Protein backbone atom coordinates (compact mmCIF):
# COMPACT_ATOMS: atom_id res chain seq x y z
CA MET A 1 33.16 129.11 7.30
CA THR A 2 33.84 130.73 10.70
CA ARG A 3 37.02 130.43 12.70
CA ARG A 4 35.21 128.27 15.26
CA SER A 5 34.09 125.82 12.57
CA CYS A 6 37.66 125.57 11.22
CA THR A 7 38.96 124.79 14.72
CA ILE A 8 36.41 122.01 15.19
CA TYR A 9 37.32 120.42 11.87
CA VAL A 10 41.08 120.58 12.59
CA VAL A 11 40.66 119.08 16.08
CA GLY A 12 38.43 116.29 14.77
CA ILE A 13 40.79 115.34 11.94
CA THR A 14 43.85 115.44 14.22
CA CYS A 15 42.05 113.33 16.83
CA ALA A 16 41.08 110.70 14.25
CA VAL A 17 44.62 110.53 12.85
CA LEU A 18 46.24 110.15 16.31
CA LEU A 19 43.80 107.45 17.38
CA ALA A 20 44.20 105.53 14.15
CA VAL A 21 48.01 105.75 14.14
CA GLY A 22 48.34 104.99 17.87
CA ILE A 23 46.01 101.99 17.81
CA GLY A 24 47.68 100.69 14.67
CA LEU A 25 51.19 100.97 16.14
CA PHE A 26 50.08 99.39 19.42
CA ALA A 27 48.30 96.50 17.71
CA GLY A 28 51.31 95.90 15.48
CA GLN A 29 53.75 96.18 18.44
CA VAL A 30 55.98 98.24 16.16
CA PHE A 31 57.87 100.20 18.82
CA ARG A 32 58.15 97.19 21.14
CA THR A 33 59.64 95.18 18.29
CA LEU A 34 62.10 97.99 17.54
CA MET A 35 63.15 98.13 21.19
CA ASN A 36 63.49 94.35 21.45
CA ASN A 37 65.64 94.28 18.34
CA ARG A 38 67.81 96.98 19.88
CA LEU A 39 68.26 94.90 23.05
CA LYS A 40 69.16 91.83 21.01
CA LYS A 41 71.94 93.79 19.32
CA GLU A 42 73.20 95.41 22.52
CA ILE A 43 73.26 92.29 24.74
CA VAL A 44 76.00 90.30 23.00
CA LEU A 45 79.39 89.02 24.11
CA VAL A 46 81.55 91.18 21.85
CA GLU A 47 84.06 93.90 22.66
CA GLY A 48 82.36 97.26 23.15
CA SER A 49 78.87 95.91 23.81
CA ARG A 50 76.79 97.12 26.74
CA VAL A 51 77.34 93.93 28.77
CA PHE A 52 80.81 92.69 27.79
CA ASP A 53 82.80 94.38 30.57
CA SER A 54 80.34 93.41 33.31
CA TRP A 55 80.36 89.83 31.96
CA LYS A 56 84.14 89.65 32.23
CA LYS A 57 84.18 91.19 35.71
CA PRO A 58 80.75 91.22 37.42
CA PRO A 59 80.37 94.29 39.68
CA PRO A 60 77.94 92.97 42.34
CA PRO A 61 79.67 91.33 45.33
CA VAL A 62 79.38 87.54 45.59
CA TYR A 63 79.43 85.81 48.97
CA MET A 64 80.18 82.16 49.69
CA GLN A 65 78.92 80.75 52.98
CA PHE A 66 79.88 77.34 54.34
CA PHE A 67 77.83 75.44 56.94
CA PHE A 68 79.20 72.25 58.53
CA PHE A 69 77.41 69.36 60.22
CA ASN A 70 79.26 68.53 63.41
CA VAL A 71 78.69 64.90 64.48
CA THR A 72 77.97 64.67 68.20
CA ASN A 73 77.76 60.84 68.57
CA PRO A 74 80.21 59.22 66.12
CA ASP A 75 80.95 56.16 68.31
CA GLU A 76 77.26 55.44 68.93
CA PHE A 77 76.55 55.72 65.21
CA LEU A 78 79.28 53.19 64.36
CA ALA A 79 77.64 50.90 66.90
CA GLY A 80 74.31 51.13 65.07
CA ALA A 81 72.62 54.18 66.64
CA LYS A 82 71.00 57.04 64.74
CA PRO A 83 73.55 59.79 64.01
CA GLU A 84 73.11 63.22 65.51
CA VAL A 85 74.47 66.37 63.88
CA LYS A 86 74.53 70.06 64.70
CA GLN A 87 74.81 72.73 62.03
CA ILE A 88 77.69 75.16 62.55
CA GLY A 89 78.09 78.24 60.38
CA PRO A 90 78.21 80.32 58.40
CA TYR A 91 81.85 80.83 57.59
CA THR A 92 81.59 83.57 55.00
CA TYR A 93 84.01 84.48 52.23
CA ARG A 94 83.90 87.27 49.68
CA GLU A 95 84.14 85.59 46.29
CA TYR A 96 85.96 87.46 43.54
CA ARG A 97 85.23 86.09 40.10
CA TYR A 98 86.28 87.19 36.68
CA LYS A 99 86.73 85.82 33.17
CA ASP A 100 90.38 85.24 32.36
CA ASN A 101 92.16 84.81 28.99
CA VAL A 102 89.13 86.12 27.10
CA SER A 103 89.50 85.85 23.34
CA MET A 104 87.22 85.75 20.31
CA VAL A 105 87.16 82.48 18.37
CA ALA A 106 85.33 80.98 15.37
CA ASN A 107 85.68 84.21 13.36
CA GLY A 108 84.20 86.26 16.18
CA LYS A 109 81.07 84.13 16.51
CA MET A 110 82.17 82.70 19.88
CA VAL A 111 84.26 83.74 22.84
CA SER A 112 86.68 81.67 24.93
CA ALA A 113 87.27 82.29 28.65
CA TYR A 114 88.30 80.75 31.97
CA ASN A 115 86.14 81.33 35.06
CA THR A 116 88.62 82.25 37.78
CA LYS A 117 87.56 82.50 41.43
CA SER A 118 89.31 83.58 44.61
CA PHE A 119 88.06 83.81 48.20
CA VAL A 120 88.74 86.20 51.09
CA PHE A 121 87.47 85.38 54.59
CA LEU A 122 85.04 87.86 56.23
CA ARG A 123 85.22 87.56 60.00
CA GLU A 124 82.34 90.00 60.63
CA LYS A 125 79.94 87.79 58.64
CA SER A 126 81.07 84.50 60.23
CA VAL A 127 80.35 82.62 63.45
CA GLY A 128 83.96 81.97 64.34
CA ASP A 129 87.57 81.61 63.29
CA PRO A 130 88.05 78.86 60.66
CA ALA A 131 91.65 78.37 61.77
CA GLU A 132 90.56 77.47 65.32
CA ASP A 133 87.04 75.99 65.12
CA ASN A 134 87.04 72.19 65.00
CA ILE A 135 84.47 70.04 63.24
CA THR A 136 83.93 66.31 63.69
CA THR A 137 82.77 64.86 60.41
CA VAL A 138 83.10 61.94 58.02
CA ASN A 139 86.67 61.01 57.10
CA ILE A 140 86.23 61.41 53.35
CA PRO A 141 89.80 60.33 52.35
CA ALA A 142 89.38 57.07 54.29
CA TRP A 143 86.02 56.34 52.68
CA ALA A 144 87.44 57.16 49.23
CA VAL A 145 90.31 54.69 49.70
CA MET A 146 88.00 52.00 51.12
CA ASN A 147 85.63 52.28 48.19
CA ASN A 148 88.52 52.19 45.75
CA VAL A 149 89.80 48.85 47.01
CA LYS A 150 86.50 47.10 47.77
CA GLY A 151 86.11 43.86 45.89
CA SER A 152 89.77 42.96 46.37
CA PHE A 153 90.38 40.97 49.53
CA PHE A 154 94.15 41.54 49.50
CA ARG A 155 93.98 45.30 48.94
CA SER A 156 91.14 45.71 51.44
CA SER A 157 93.08 43.84 54.10
CA MET A 158 96.18 45.92 53.45
CA VAL A 159 94.26 49.24 53.67
CA SER A 160 92.53 48.05 56.85
CA ILE A 161 95.92 47.37 58.44
CA TRP A 162 97.19 50.80 57.37
CA MET A 163 94.14 52.52 58.84
CA ASN A 164 94.58 50.74 62.17
CA SER A 165 98.26 51.58 62.36
CA LEU A 166 97.71 55.21 61.42
CA LYS A 167 94.62 55.46 63.64
CA SER A 168 92.64 56.69 60.66
CA GLY A 169 89.01 56.15 61.62
CA LEU A 170 85.70 56.57 59.77
CA PHE A 171 85.30 60.01 61.36
CA THR A 172 87.86 62.78 61.81
CA THR A 173 88.12 66.07 63.67
CA ARG A 174 89.66 68.93 61.72
CA THR A 175 89.58 72.71 61.66
CA VAL A 176 87.31 74.48 59.21
CA ASP A 177 90.37 75.72 57.32
CA GLU A 178 91.68 72.18 56.93
CA LEU A 179 88.35 70.79 55.77
CA LEU A 180 87.93 73.57 53.23
CA TRP A 181 91.36 74.37 51.86
CA GLY A 182 93.15 71.12 52.47
CA TYR A 183 95.38 69.10 54.81
CA GLU A 184 97.83 66.29 54.22
CA ASP A 185 96.16 63.00 55.07
CA ARG A 186 98.43 60.26 56.40
CA LEU A 187 96.45 57.46 54.76
CA LEU A 188 96.67 59.18 51.37
CA VAL A 189 100.41 59.60 51.88
CA ARG A 190 100.72 55.85 52.49
CA VAL A 191 98.62 55.04 49.40
CA ALA A 192 100.65 57.47 47.29
CA GLY A 193 103.71 55.36 48.08
CA THR A 194 102.28 52.65 45.82
CA LYS A 195 100.24 54.93 43.53
CA PRO A 196 102.15 58.16 42.84
CA GLU A 197 99.16 59.64 40.98
CA VAL A 198 97.16 59.83 44.24
CA GLU A 199 96.89 63.34 45.68
CA THR A 200 98.09 63.38 49.29
CA VAL A 201 96.21 66.55 50.27
CA PHE A 202 92.45 66.60 50.73
CA GLY A 203 90.07 69.56 51.11
CA LEU A 204 86.51 70.26 50.02
CA MET A 205 87.72 73.44 48.29
CA TYR A 206 91.28 72.30 47.68
CA LYS A 207 92.87 74.04 44.67
CA LYS A 208 89.74 76.12 44.09
CA ASN A 209 91.09 79.39 45.50
CA GLY A 210 92.53 81.39 42.62
CA SER A 211 91.86 78.62 40.12
CA ASN A 212 89.35 77.89 37.37
CA ASP A 213 87.18 75.02 36.11
CA GLY A 214 88.77 74.84 32.67
CA GLU A 215 88.18 76.54 29.35
CA PHE A 216 84.65 77.44 28.30
CA ILE A 217 83.66 78.51 24.80
CA TYR A 218 80.45 80.55 24.69
CA HIS A 219 78.16 81.76 21.93
CA THR A 220 78.14 85.56 21.66
CA GLY A 221 74.43 85.83 20.82
CA GLU A 222 75.03 87.88 17.67
CA GLN A 223 73.59 85.23 15.38
CA ASN A 224 70.67 84.38 17.67
CA TYR A 225 69.87 86.23 20.90
CA MET A 226 68.67 82.93 22.43
CA ASP A 227 72.27 81.68 22.27
CA TYR A 228 73.65 84.53 24.36
CA GLY A 229 76.07 82.99 26.88
CA ARG A 230 75.28 79.43 25.79
CA ILE A 231 78.15 76.98 26.28
CA GLU A 232 79.52 75.39 23.12
CA THR A 233 82.29 73.33 24.74
CA TRP A 234 83.87 72.77 28.15
CA LYS A 235 87.49 71.63 28.27
CA GLY A 236 87.17 71.03 24.54
CA GLN A 237 84.23 68.63 24.98
CA ARG A 238 80.72 69.04 23.61
CA GLU A 239 79.40 66.47 26.09
CA LEU A 240 80.48 64.69 29.27
CA THR A 241 81.70 61.13 29.60
CA PHE A 242 80.82 60.48 33.26
CA TRP A 243 77.33 59.09 32.78
CA SER A 244 75.54 56.37 30.82
CA SER A 245 73.14 58.30 28.54
CA ASN A 246 73.28 61.15 26.06
CA TYR A 247 70.77 63.09 28.12
CA SER A 248 72.82 62.89 31.33
CA ASN A 249 76.08 63.69 29.52
CA SER A 250 74.71 66.71 27.67
CA ILE A 251 76.24 70.16 28.18
CA VAL A 252 73.34 72.54 27.72
CA GLY A 253 72.64 76.17 28.58
CA SER A 254 74.91 78.73 30.24
CA ASP A 255 77.34 78.55 33.15
CA GLY A 256 74.90 80.47 35.34
CA SER A 257 76.49 83.90 34.85
CA ALA A 258 74.60 85.06 31.74
CA PHE A 259 71.10 84.55 30.35
CA HIS A 260 69.51 85.72 27.14
CA PRO A 261 67.21 88.78 27.15
CA LEU A 262 63.45 88.72 26.68
CA LEU A 263 62.85 85.76 28.99
CA ASP A 264 59.56 83.93 28.94
CA LYS A 265 57.81 82.41 31.95
CA ASP A 266 57.12 79.18 30.08
CA GLU A 267 60.72 78.37 29.20
CA ARG A 268 63.21 76.19 31.03
CA ILE A 269 66.59 77.65 31.93
CA TYR A 270 69.50 75.22 31.61
CA ILE A 271 72.70 75.62 33.60
CA PHE A 272 75.81 73.47 33.36
CA THR A 273 77.70 73.21 36.64
CA PRO A 274 81.08 71.45 36.84
CA ASP A 275 80.65 71.01 40.62
CA LEU A 276 77.71 68.66 40.00
CA CYS A 277 79.25 67.22 36.83
CA ARG A 278 75.98 67.72 34.99
CA THR A 279 73.40 70.12 33.54
CA ILE A 280 70.42 71.10 35.65
CA TYR A 281 67.32 73.04 34.67
CA MET A 282 65.15 75.64 36.39
CA GLU A 283 61.53 76.65 35.88
CA PHE A 284 59.53 79.81 36.60
CA GLU A 285 58.09 79.99 40.11
CA LYS A 286 56.79 83.52 40.69
CA ASP A 287 57.18 87.24 40.01
CA VAL A 288 59.42 89.13 42.45
CA GLU A 289 60.94 92.59 42.78
CA VAL A 290 64.50 93.42 43.81
CA LYS A 291 65.44 97.06 44.54
CA GLY A 292 62.54 98.24 42.39
CA ILE A 293 63.47 95.97 39.48
CA PRO A 294 60.88 93.41 38.30
CA ALA A 295 62.17 89.85 38.03
CA TYR A 296 61.14 86.27 37.37
CA ARG A 297 62.17 83.70 39.98
CA PHE A 298 63.42 80.43 38.51
CA THR A 299 64.03 77.40 40.72
CA PRO A 300 65.03 73.76 40.11
CA PRO A 301 61.94 71.53 40.45
CA ARG A 302 61.93 68.20 42.28
CA SER A 303 62.27 66.36 38.96
CA VAL A 304 65.88 67.56 38.54
CA LEU A 305 67.15 65.16 41.23
CA ALA A 306 64.21 62.76 41.10
CA SER A 307 64.70 59.00 41.08
CA LYS A 308 64.56 57.10 37.80
CA GLU A 309 61.08 55.91 38.81
CA GLU A 310 59.82 59.51 39.12
CA ASN A 311 61.82 60.82 36.17
CA PRO A 312 63.01 58.15 33.71
CA ASP A 313 65.41 60.65 32.11
CA ASN A 314 67.54 60.47 35.26
CA GLU A 315 68.34 56.78 34.84
CA GLY A 316 71.56 57.77 33.09
CA PHE A 317 72.83 59.31 36.34
CA CYS A 318 72.92 55.93 38.07
CA VAL A 319 76.56 54.88 38.52
CA THR A 320 75.41 51.31 38.03
CA PRO A 321 71.88 49.84 38.08
CA LYS A 322 72.55 48.80 41.69
CA GLU A 323 73.96 52.20 42.67
CA CYS A 324 70.93 54.31 41.91
CA LEU A 325 69.80 56.43 44.82
CA GLY A 326 66.36 57.88 45.50
CA THR A 327 64.84 61.29 44.86
CA GLY A 328 66.79 64.32 45.97
CA VAL A 329 70.32 62.92 45.91
CA LEU A 330 72.92 62.39 43.18
CA LYS A 331 76.02 60.24 43.53
CA VAL A 332 78.84 62.12 41.79
CA SER A 333 81.63 59.61 42.38
CA PRO A 334 82.32 59.21 38.60
CA CYS A 335 83.73 62.74 38.54
CA ARG A 336 85.27 62.60 42.03
CA LYS A 337 87.86 59.90 41.42
CA GLY A 338 85.56 57.21 42.79
CA ALA A 339 84.97 58.87 46.17
CA PRO A 340 81.45 58.06 47.49
CA VAL A 341 80.39 61.72 47.37
CA VAL A 342 76.66 62.45 47.07
CA ALA A 343 75.20 65.85 46.12
CA SER A 344 71.85 67.19 47.29
CA PHE A 345 70.13 70.37 48.31
CA PRO A 346 70.80 71.50 51.93
CA HIS A 347 69.15 69.42 54.63
CA PHE A 348 67.88 67.13 51.82
CA TYR A 349 65.37 69.72 50.67
CA LEU A 350 63.11 68.22 47.93
CA ALA A 351 64.48 64.74 48.74
CA ASP A 352 62.77 61.59 49.94
CA GLY A 353 61.80 61.82 53.59
CA LYS A 354 63.92 58.78 54.48
CA TYR A 355 67.13 60.78 54.08
CA VAL A 356 65.97 63.42 56.54
CA ALA A 357 64.59 60.83 58.96
CA ALA A 358 67.90 58.95 59.04
CA ILE A 359 69.78 61.92 60.57
CA GLU A 360 68.86 63.66 63.80
CA GLY A 361 69.24 67.43 63.53
CA LEU A 362 68.04 68.13 59.99
CA SER A 363 65.07 70.35 59.12
CA PRO A 364 64.69 71.27 55.43
CA GLU A 365 63.13 74.68 54.86
CA ARG A 366 62.33 76.29 51.57
CA THR A 367 63.39 79.79 52.67
CA HIS A 368 66.88 78.76 53.76
CA HIS A 369 67.63 75.80 51.50
CA GLN A 370 66.09 76.54 48.11
CA THR A 371 68.25 77.38 45.10
CA PHE A 372 66.85 80.18 42.94
CA LEU A 373 67.64 82.81 40.32
CA ASP A 374 65.84 86.17 40.10
CA LEU A 375 66.23 87.39 36.51
CA ASN A 376 65.00 90.60 34.95
CA PRO A 377 62.95 89.29 32.01
CA THR A 378 63.74 92.22 29.68
CA THR A 379 67.53 92.06 29.88
CA GLY A 380 68.20 88.62 31.40
CA VAL A 381 70.35 90.27 34.09
CA ILE A 382 70.70 88.46 37.42
CA VAL A 383 69.34 90.75 40.15
CA ARG A 384 69.53 88.18 42.96
CA ALA A 385 70.58 84.55 43.25
CA HIS A 386 71.23 81.83 45.82
CA LYS A 387 73.02 78.65 44.76
CA ARG A 388 72.76 76.10 47.56
CA ALA A 389 74.24 72.62 47.49
CA GLN A 390 75.17 70.00 50.05
CA VAL A 391 78.08 67.56 50.12
CA ASN A 392 77.31 64.13 51.58
CA VAL A 393 79.10 60.80 51.83
CA LEU A 394 77.48 57.44 51.21
CA MET A 395 78.32 55.29 54.23
CA GLN A 396 77.62 51.56 54.07
CA ARG A 397 79.10 48.16 54.94
CA ILE A 398 82.28 47.40 53.00
CA PRO A 399 83.67 43.83 53.05
CA GLY A 400 87.15 43.65 54.54
CA PHE A 401 86.59 46.55 56.96
CA PRO A 402 85.23 45.32 60.29
CA SER A 403 84.51 48.87 61.52
CA THR A 404 81.66 49.13 59.00
CA ARG A 405 79.88 45.90 59.93
CA SER A 406 77.22 47.64 62.08
CA LEU A 407 76.47 50.42 59.61
CA ASN A 408 73.20 50.90 57.85
CA GLU A 409 73.41 52.54 54.43
CA THR A 410 73.32 56.25 55.17
CA VAL A 411 73.77 59.38 53.06
CA PHE A 412 75.69 61.36 55.66
CA PRO A 413 75.75 65.19 55.42
CA VAL A 414 79.16 66.87 55.68
CA MET A 415 78.75 70.48 54.61
CA PHE A 416 76.53 72.74 52.52
CA LEU A 417 77.32 75.98 50.78
CA ASN A 418 75.31 79.06 49.89
CA GLU A 419 76.71 81.14 47.02
CA SER A 420 74.72 84.36 46.90
CA VAL A 421 74.67 87.60 44.94
CA GLU A 422 72.41 90.66 44.79
CA ILE A 423 72.67 93.51 42.33
CA ASP A 424 74.51 96.52 43.77
CA ASP A 425 72.87 99.96 43.99
CA ALA A 426 74.83 101.53 41.14
CA SER A 427 74.05 98.67 38.77
CA ALA A 428 70.41 98.71 39.89
CA GLU A 429 70.08 102.42 39.02
CA ARG A 430 71.60 101.88 35.57
CA LEU A 431 69.30 98.95 34.93
CA LYS A 432 66.22 100.90 36.06
CA LYS A 433 67.08 103.73 33.66
CA LEU A 434 67.46 101.24 30.82
CA LEU A 435 64.11 99.64 31.68
CA LEU A 436 62.47 103.08 31.87
CA ILE A 437 63.69 103.95 28.39
CA SER A 438 62.61 100.56 27.12
CA ASN A 439 59.12 100.96 28.59
CA LEU A 440 58.71 104.49 27.26
CA VAL A 441 59.76 103.49 23.75
CA SER A 442 57.72 100.29 23.79
CA ASN A 443 54.61 102.11 25.04
CA PHE A 444 54.97 105.22 22.87
CA PRO A 445 51.87 104.23 20.83
CA LEU A 446 49.86 104.49 24.06
CA VAL A 447 51.08 108.08 24.42
CA ILE A 448 49.78 108.79 20.92
CA VAL A 449 46.46 107.13 21.79
CA GLY A 450 46.31 109.21 24.98
CA LEU A 451 46.78 112.44 23.03
CA GLY A 452 44.08 111.27 20.64
CA VAL A 453 41.69 110.66 23.53
CA ILE A 454 42.40 114.14 24.95
CA LEU A 455 41.71 115.74 21.57
CA LEU A 456 38.55 113.64 21.29
CA LEU A 457 37.31 115.17 24.55
CA VAL A 458 38.19 118.65 23.27
CA PHE A 459 36.37 117.88 20.03
CA VAL A 460 33.23 116.80 21.92
CA ILE A 461 33.33 119.93 24.09
CA LEU A 462 33.65 122.20 21.04
CA LEU A 463 30.75 120.46 19.33
CA CYS A 464 28.55 120.85 22.40
CA GLN A 465 29.39 124.56 22.68
CA ALA A 466 28.66 125.15 18.98
CA ARG A 467 25.31 123.37 19.22
CA LYS A 468 24.37 125.33 22.34
CA GLN A 469 25.18 128.65 20.69
CA LYS A 470 23.14 127.77 17.60
CA ASN A 471 20.10 126.90 19.72
CA GLU A 472 20.31 130.21 21.59
CA VAL A 473 20.30 132.19 18.33
CA LYS A 474 17.16 130.40 17.16
CA ARG A 475 15.29 131.38 20.36
CA ILE A 476 15.72 135.11 19.89
CA VAL A 477 12.42 136.74 18.48
CA PHE A 478 12.23 140.49 17.98
CA THR A 479 8.59 141.81 18.75
CA LYS A 480 6.98 145.30 19.56
CA PRO A 481 5.96 145.94 23.22
CA LEU A 482 2.21 145.97 23.84
CA TYR A 483 2.39 149.19 25.79
CA ALA A 484 4.09 151.21 23.00
CA SER A 485 1.28 151.37 20.36
CA SER A 486 1.85 155.03 19.23
CA ALA A 487 4.58 157.59 18.99
CA GLU A 488 2.94 159.61 21.74
CA ASP A 489 2.97 158.69 25.36
CA ASP A 490 -0.31 157.34 26.80
CA THR A 491 0.14 159.44 29.88
CA ALA A 492 1.07 163.03 30.59
CA TYR A 493 1.56 165.21 33.56
CA SER A 494 -1.21 167.77 34.22
CA PRO A 495 -2.31 169.75 37.22
CA VAL A 496 -5.29 168.55 39.21
CA ASN A 497 -7.11 171.88 38.67
CA ASP A 498 -6.54 175.12 36.91
CA LYS A 499 -4.84 176.59 39.89
CA GLU A 500 -1.87 174.70 41.01
CA LYS A 501 -2.33 173.35 44.44
CA GLU A 502 0.57 174.03 46.71
CA ASP A 503 1.83 171.48 49.12
CA PRO A 504 2.99 173.20 52.28
CA GLN A 505 5.71 170.63 52.80
CA ASN A 506 6.83 169.36 49.40
CA GLY A 507 5.96 172.20 47.09
CA THR A 508 3.65 171.89 44.17
CA TYR A 509 1.67 168.61 43.99
CA ILE A 510 1.58 167.16 40.51
CA GLY A 511 -0.97 164.47 39.78
CA LEU A 512 -0.54 161.86 37.12
CA THR A 513 -3.76 161.71 35.07
CA PRO A 514 -4.72 160.51 31.66
CA LYS A 515 -4.41 163.05 28.93
CA ALA A 516 -7.76 164.82 28.38
CA ASP A 517 -9.52 164.33 25.12
CA VAL A 518 -8.97 167.45 23.01
CA GLU A 519 -12.57 167.65 21.76
CA ALA A 520 -13.93 167.20 25.25
């Protein structure tokens, strides 16, 4: 066997082995499974894991923007006219968040923590000075007190007298700072004289700067990667007590800061939010890319805040059968000390058209008012997010308060917030490196298949060359020339005659003639 033949056999065998091994590994998803198992072990809430420190103190900056609805015709509205509002904002704050008092519980299977937040105002990202800018809006403390005493003629009459004497109307004008971080309300001070448990200071973000929402206990994800970041209890409770059904009181999913790896487009993501006093869910919308990182966009569908007619599961969120609002709004008074506060998406996005039509100055837009999460499906890391929610007040006629007699039931917008985050450049580079390694390892069988294909081409080329060489050898036929029939030459040089003829220019002329026959 020649050296060329040996080379062909070696290349052919190697090619067959690589193709067989590569295709087998790819079909069995062996390397992808190994990589996924590695991710499941790395992405857990335990000390020393890849994600634990960033979970306790997230590196990307978080911004909180507040937009207010300034009422331009409060007196006309109280007289029965359609209210007119003008959006003012944003007033932007840098939100610093971290997990406090972190400790392992349940023999290391769970972790306990408090979500602490603090806010610092950013003038360069805001439209004005919150300490100076005034906003005319609904007087929420007054409406809270009025709703608390309705049904009692004596108490309603007494509160009505107090409001008149204190000149506490249904609308109030306050600075942005007061509306957000709190001010002492004279009506609440008067009520606190008879009910000491009543808080005399009111603010939409009162006591939320430098505070937390209570203790959370999370699953670490060690036992099951699907449980990574899942809430076990909040304030020691496995379920809420605000609502009227097990479904509405359920505490399901994460707190919105952590999601399990290896996300699927078909799954629902559940998030428990204390601000809404409930669990919401989000569904896949589309593929996106953030700073070169692939992500799935999840958004809450219309069914989350749909009416009980559209979504029967939501019947448990009705305060009473008579206090059940339409699609797109949720009355959260059970967890707001009875205040007639209603939650929605900004500008009543995804809500019934009647809520938008009732207020002049609203224009819901998906781009500016949609809540969404962009999650990298491999790691579950948040690469971009916008949490948008609106605070409204349910305004309606209340017996015992003459100033409400001309009112039509209206869900009146007060303020909406936009809590946003986008992965920082340093974190994005680290994540891209991790994804690159994951892709290379997961697709290593394709590399083997590629090498096999290259060797297959080499093998084919070698075979073609060997066949071509063999055919050329077969064509070679060794034969005698027709003009060489004897050892002697057929021709010889001889003079034309016995005496050599001299050429005067070129010397002797030699003629080429056939050799003469010897016998002749």
